Amino acid sequence: MCIRDSLWALSVDRTLLFSFPAEYAWIENHRWAVAAVCAVIPVAAGVYARDALA
């Protein structure tokens, strides 16, 4: 799922993002927020595995 979300963040069309009204300007950064939150899971898993195997 994280890979899919990252691919979505990279491939979403910029004209789609800028077609929203000004009151929804936050949507421009939504894709990067989703990718950042999604990246927390594999990073946390890696840290946990490193500590568990040490």
PDB file of N, CA and C in Angstrom:
ATOM      1  N   MET A   1       0.818  -1.183   0.000  1.00  0.00           N
ATOM      2  CA  MET A   1       0.000   0.000   0.000  1.00  0.00           C
ATOM      3  C   MET A   1       0.868   1.256   0.000  1.00  0.00           C
ATOM      4  N   CYS A   2       1.969   1.221   0.710  1.00  0.00           N
ATOM      5  CA  CYS A   2       2.850   2.387   0.771  1.00  0.00           C
ATOM      6  C   CYS A   2       3.458   2.678  -0.601  1.00  0.00           C
ATOM      7  N   ILE A   3       3.800   1.637  -1.318  1.00  0.00           N
ATOM      8  CA  ILE A   3       4.362   1.832  -2.660  1.00  0.00           C
ATOM      9  C   ILE A   3       3.312   2.448  -3.573  1.00  0.00           C
ATOM     10  N   ARG A   4       2.081   1.966  -3.458  1.00  0.00           N
ATOM     11  CA  ARG A   4       1.000   2.514  -4.277  1.00  0.00           C
ATOM     12  C   ARG A   4       0.771   3.984  -3.967  1.00  0.00           C
ATOM     13  N   ASP A   5       0.771   4.340  -2.694  1.00  0.00           N
ATOM     14  CA  ASP A   5       0.564   5.738  -2.314  1.00  0.00           C
ATOM     15  C   ASP A   5       1.708   6.624  -2.788  1.00  0.00           C
ATOM     16  N   SER A   6       2.923   6.114  -2.729  1.00  0.00           N
ATOM     17  CA  SER A   6       4.069   6.892  -3.206  1.00  0.00           C
ATOM     18  C   SER A   6       4.003   7.085  -4.714  1.00  0.00           C
ATOM     19  N   LEU A   7       3.614   6.037  -5.438  1.00  0.00           N
ATOM     20  CA  LEU A   7       3.457   6.172  -6.887  1.00  0.00           C
ATOM     21  C   LEU A   7       2.350   7.163  -7.223  1.00  0.00           C
ATOM     22  N   TRP A   8       1.279   7.132  -6.446  1.00  0.00           N
ATOM     23  CA  TRP A   8       0.200   8.088  -6.658  1.00  0.00           C
ATOM     24  C   TRP A   8       0.696   9.512  -6.437  1.00  0.00           C
ATOM     25  N   ALA A   9       1.476   9.725  -5.385  1.00  0.00           N
ATOM     26  CA  ALA A   9       1.975  11.067  -5.076  1.00  0.00           C
ATOM     27  C   ALA A   9       2.867  11.591  -6.191  1.00  0.00           C
ATOM     28  N   LEU A  10       3.621  10.707  -6.802  1.00  0.00           N
ATOM     29  CA  LEU A  10       4.522  11.131  -7.875  1.00  0.00           C
ATOM     30  C   LEU A  10       3.820  11.289  -9.216  1.00  0.00           C
ATOM     31  N   SER A  11       2.727  10.572  -9.425  1.00  0.00           N
ATOM     32  CA  SER A  11       2.129  10.554 -10.752  1.00  0.00           C
ATOM     33  C   SER A  11       0.853  11.378 -10.894  1.00  0.00           C
ATOM     34  N   VAL A  12       0.327  11.916  -9.805  1.00  0.00           N
ATOM     35  CA  VAL A  12      -0.908  12.690  -9.917  1.00  0.00           C
ATOM     36  C   VAL A  12      -0.666  13.928 -10.787  1.00  0.00           C
ATOM     37  N   ASP A  13      -1.623  14.211 -11.633  1.00  0.00           N
ATOM     38  CA  ASP A  13      -1.501  15.315 -12.586  1.00  0.00           C
ATOM     39  C   ASP A  13      -1.615  16.659 -11.862  1.00  0.00           C
ATOM     40  N   ARG A  14      -0.675  17.546 -12.115  1.00  0.00           N
ATOM     41  CA  ARG A  14      -0.661  18.846 -11.432  1.00  0.00           C
ATOM     42  C   ARG A  14      -1.869  19.701 -11.826  1.00  0.00           C
ATOM     43  N   THR A  15      -2.366  19.548 -13.043  1.00  0.00           N
ATOM     44  CA  THR A  15      -3.541  20.335 -13.429  1.00  0.00           C
ATOM     45  C   THR A  15      -4.760  19.916 -12.618  1.00  0.00           C
ATOM     46  N   LEU A  16      -4.809  18.666 -12.217  1.00  0.00           N
ATOM     47  CA  LEU A  16      -5.898  18.211 -11.358  1.00  0.00           C
ATOM     48  C   LEU A  16      -5.807  18.872  -9.988  1.00  0.00           C
ATOM     49  N   LEU A  17      -4.599  18.982  -9.468  1.00  0.00           N
ATOM     50  CA  LEU A  17      -4.418  19.586  -8.146  1.00  0.00           C
ATOM     51  C   LEU A  17      -4.791  21.060  -8.128  1.00  0.00           C
ATOM     52  N   PHE A  18      -4.487  21.760  -9.192  1.00  0.00           N
ATOM     53  CA  PHE A  18      -4.732  23.198  -9.222  1.00  0.00           C
ATOM     54  C   PHE A  18      -6.112  23.551  -9.769  1.00  0.00           C
ATOM     55  N   SER A  19      -6.959  22.551 -10.013  1.00  0.00           N
ATOM     56  CA  SER A  19      -8.302  22.830 -10.518  1.00  0.00           C
ATOM     57  C   SER A  19      -9.319  23.025  -9.397  1.00  0.00           C
ATOM     58  N   PHE A  20      -8.894  22.853  -8.148  1.00  0.00           N
ATOM     59  CA  PHE A  20      -9.799  23.036  -7.014  1.00  0.00           C
ATOM     60  C   PHE A  20      -9.946  24.521  -6.691  1.00  0.00           C
ATOM     61  N   PRO A  21     -11.063  24.904  -6.078  1.00  0.00           N
ATOM     62  CA  PRO A  21     -11.221  26.301  -5.645  1.00  0.00           C
ATOM     63  C   PRO A  21     -10.174  26.676  -4.596  1.00  0.00           C
ATOM     64  N   ALA A  22      -9.983  27.955  -4.394  1.00  0.00           N
ATOM     65  CA  ALA A  22      -8.946  28.447  -3.477  1.00  0.00           C
ATOM     66  C   ALA A  22      -9.154  27.959  -2.048  1.00  0.00           C
ATOM     67  N   GLU A  23     -10.381  27.719  -1.658  1.00  0.00           N
ATOM     68  CA  GLU A  23     -10.631  27.264  -0.286  1.00  0.00           C
ATOM     69  C   GLU A  23     -10.108  25.852  -0.030  1.00  0.00           C
ATOM     70  N   TYR A  24      -9.804  25.125  -1.092  1.00  0.00           N
ATOM     71  CA  TYR A  24      -9.252  23.774  -0.960  1.00  0.00           C
ATOM     72  C   TYR A  24      -7.784  23.738  -1.363  1.00  0.00           C
ATOM     73  N   ALA A  25      -7.065  24.796  -1.087  1.00  0.00           N
ATOM     74  CA  ALA A  25      -5.646  24.876  -1.461  1.00  0.00           C
ATOM     75  C   ALA A  25      -4.803  23.843  -0.729  1.00  0.00           C
ATOM     76  N   TRP A  26      -5.280  23.351   0.419  1.00  0.00           N
ATOM     77  CA  TRP A  26      -4.530  22.349   1.183  1.00  0.00           C
ATOM     78  C   TRP A  26      -4.340  21.063   0.388  1.00  0.00           C
ATOM     79  N   ILE A  27      -5.204  20.818  -0.601  1.00  0.00           N
ATOM     80  CA  ILE A  27      -5.120  19.569  -1.365  1.00  0.00           C
ATOM     81  C   ILE A  27      -3.809  19.483  -2.155  1.00  0.00           C
ATOM     82  N   GLU A  28      -3.182  20.630  -2.421  1.00  0.00           N
ATOM     83  CA  GLU A  28      -1.918  20.629  -3.155  1.00  0.00           C
ATOM     84  C   GLU A  28      -0.824  19.904  -2.379  1.00  0.00           C
ATOM     85  N   ASN A  29      -0.858  19.980  -1.059  1.00  0.00           N
ATOM     86  CA  ASN A  29       0.153  19.322  -0.226  1.00  0.00           C
ATOM     87  C   ASN A  29      -0.311  17.988   0.334  1.00  0.00           C
ATOM     88  N   HIS A  30      -1.541  17.624   0.077  1.00  0.00           N
ATOM     89  CA  HIS A  30      -2.090  16.386   0.630  1.00  0.00           C
ATOM     90  C   HIS A  30      -1.305  15.162   0.165  1.00  0.00           C
ATOM     91  N   ARG A  31      -0.916  15.136  -1.102  1.00  0.00           N
ATOM     92  CA  ARG A  31      -0.212  13.952  -1.614  1.00  0.00           C
ATOM     93  C   ARG A  31       1.125  13.749  -0.921  1.00  0.00           C
ATOM     94  N   TRP A  32       1.821  14.830  -0.603  1.00  0.00           N
ATOM     95  CA  TRP A  32       3.111  14.693   0.082  1.00  0.00           C
ATOM     96  C   TRP A  32       2.901  14.308   1.541  1.00  0.00           C
ATOM     97  N   ALA A  33       1.831  14.760   2.137  1.00  0.00           N
ATOM     98  CA  ALA A  33       1.527  14.351   3.517  1.00  0.00           C
ATOM     99  C   ALA A  33       1.211  12.863   3.578  1.00  0.00           C
ATOM    100  N   VAL A  34       0.464  12.372   2.606  1.00  0.00           N
ATOM    101  CA  VAL A  34       0.154  10.939   2.552  1.00  0.00           C
ATOM    102  C   VAL A  34       1.429  10.131   2.369  1.00  0.00           C
ATOM    103  N   ALA A  35       2.307  10.555   1.479  1.00  0.00           N
ATOM    104  CA  ALA A  35       3.563   9.835   1.252  1.00  0.00           C
ATOM    105  C   ALA A  35       4.447   9.861   2.495  1.00  0.00           C
ATOM    106  N   ALA A  36       4.492  10.980   3.200  1.00  0.00           N
ATOM    107  CA  ALA A  36       5.325  11.076   4.405  1.00  0.00           C
ATOM    108  C   ALA A  36       4.790  10.191   5.519  1.00  0.00           C
ATOM    109  N   VAL A  37       3.491  10.214   5.726  1.00  0.00           N
ATOM    110  CA  VAL A  37       2.897   9.373   6.768  1.00  0.00           C
ATOM    111  C   VAL A  37       3.055   7.902   6.416  1.00  0.00           C
ATOM    112  N   CYS A  38       2.918   7.589   5.147  1.00  0.00           N
ATOM    113  CA  CYS A  38       3.066   6.204   4.706  1.00  0.00           C
ATOM    114  C   CYS A  38       4.506   5.719   4.880  1.00  0.00           C
ATOM    115  N   ALA A  39       5.468   6.584   4.749  1.00  0.00           N
ATOM    116  CA  ALA A  39       6.875   6.194   4.885  1.00  0.00           C
ATOM    117  C   ALA A  39       7.248   5.886   6.326  1.00  0.00           C
ATOM    118  N   VAL A  40       6.454   6.344   7.277  1.00  0.00           N
ATOM    119  CA  VAL A  40       6.751   6.094   8.689  1.00  0.00           C
ATOM    120  C   VAL A  40       6.699   4.594   8.997  1.00  0.00           C
ATOM    121  N   ILE A  41       5.786   3.871   8.402  1.00  0.00           N
ATOM    122  CA  ILE A  41       5.604   2.450   8.707  1.00  0.00           C
ATOM    123  C   ILE A  41       6.833   1.620   8.340  1.00  0.00           C
ATOM    124  N   PRO A  42       7.354   1.677   7.097  1.00  0.00           N
ATOM    125  CA  PRO A  42       8.546   0.879   6.801  1.00  0.00           C
ATOM    126  C   PRO A  42       9.781   1.329   7.574  1.00  0.00           C
ATOM    127  N   VAL A  43       9.893   2.615   7.848  1.00  0.00           N
ATOM    128  CA  VAL A  43      11.041   3.097   8.631  1.00  0.00           C
ATOM    129  C   VAL A  43      10.961   2.553  10.054  1.00  0.00           C
ATOM    130  N   ALA A  44       9.788   2.613  10.652  1.00  0.00           N
ATOM    131  CA  ALA A  44       9.614   2.079  12.006  1.00  0.00           C
ATOM    132  C   ALA A  44       9.849   0.575  12.033  1.00  0.00           C
ATOM    133  N   ALA A  45       9.410  -0.130  11.014  1.00  0.00           N
ATOM    134  CA  ALA A  45       9.639  -1.574  10.946  1.00  0.00           C
ATOM    135  C   ALA A  45      11.122  -1.884  10.832  1.00  0.00           C
ATOM    136  N   GLY A  46      11.838  -1.103  10.053  1.00  0.00           N
ATOM    137  CA  GLY A  46      13.282  -1.301   9.926  1.00  0.00           C
ATOM    138  C   GLY A  46      14.017  -1.054  11.226  1.00  0.00           C
ATOM    139  N   VAL A  47      13.639  -0.008  11.930  1.00  0.00           N
ATOM    140  CA  VAL A  47      14.268   0.288  13.225  1.00  0.00           C
ATOM    141  C   VAL A  47      13.959  -0.819  14.222  1.00  0.00           C
ATOM    142  N   TYR A  48      12.729  -1.285  14.242  1.00  0.00           N
ATOM    143  CA  TYR A  48      12.344  -2.358  15.154  1.00  0.00           C
ATOM    144  C   TYR A  48      13.111  -3.639  14.832  1.00  0.00           C
ATOM    145  N   ALA A  49      13.200  -3.990  13.556  1.00  0.00           N
ATOM    146  CA  ALA A  49      13.910  -5.209  13.166  1.00  0.00           C
ATOM    147  C   ALA A  49      15.393  -5.111  13.506  1.00  0.00           C
ATOM    148  N   ARG A  50      15.981  -3.953  13.288  1.00  0.00           N
ATOM    149  CA  ARG A  50      17.399  -3.783  13.607  1.00  0.00           C
ATOM    150  C   ARG A  50      17.643  -3.957  15.099  1.00  0.00           C
ATOM    151  N   ASP A  51      16.767  -3.374  15.913  1.00  0.00           N
ATOM    152  CA  ASP A  51      16.914  -3.502  17.364  1.00  0.00           C
ATOM    153  C   ASP A  51      16.614  -4.917  17.846  1.00  0.00           C
ATOM    154  N   ALA A  52      15.650  -5.579  17.229  1.00  0.00           N
ATOM    155  CA  ALA A  52      15.277  -6.927  17.650  1.00  0.00           C
ATOM    156  C   ALA A  52      16.354  -7.941  17.290  1.00  0.00           C
ATOM    157  N   LEU A  53      17.053  -7.721  16.192  1.00  0.00           N
ATOM    158  CA  LEU A  53      18.075  -8.670  15.744  1.00  0.00           C
ATOM    159  C   LEU A  53      19.453  -8.368  16.309  1.00  0.00           C
ATOM    160  N   ALA A  54      19.597  -7.249  16.977  1.00  0.00           N
ATOM    161  CA  ALA A  54      20.912  -6.869  17.511  1.00  0.00           C
ATOM    162  C   ALA A  54      21.234  -7.584  18.799  1.00  0.00           C
TER     163      ALA A  54
END
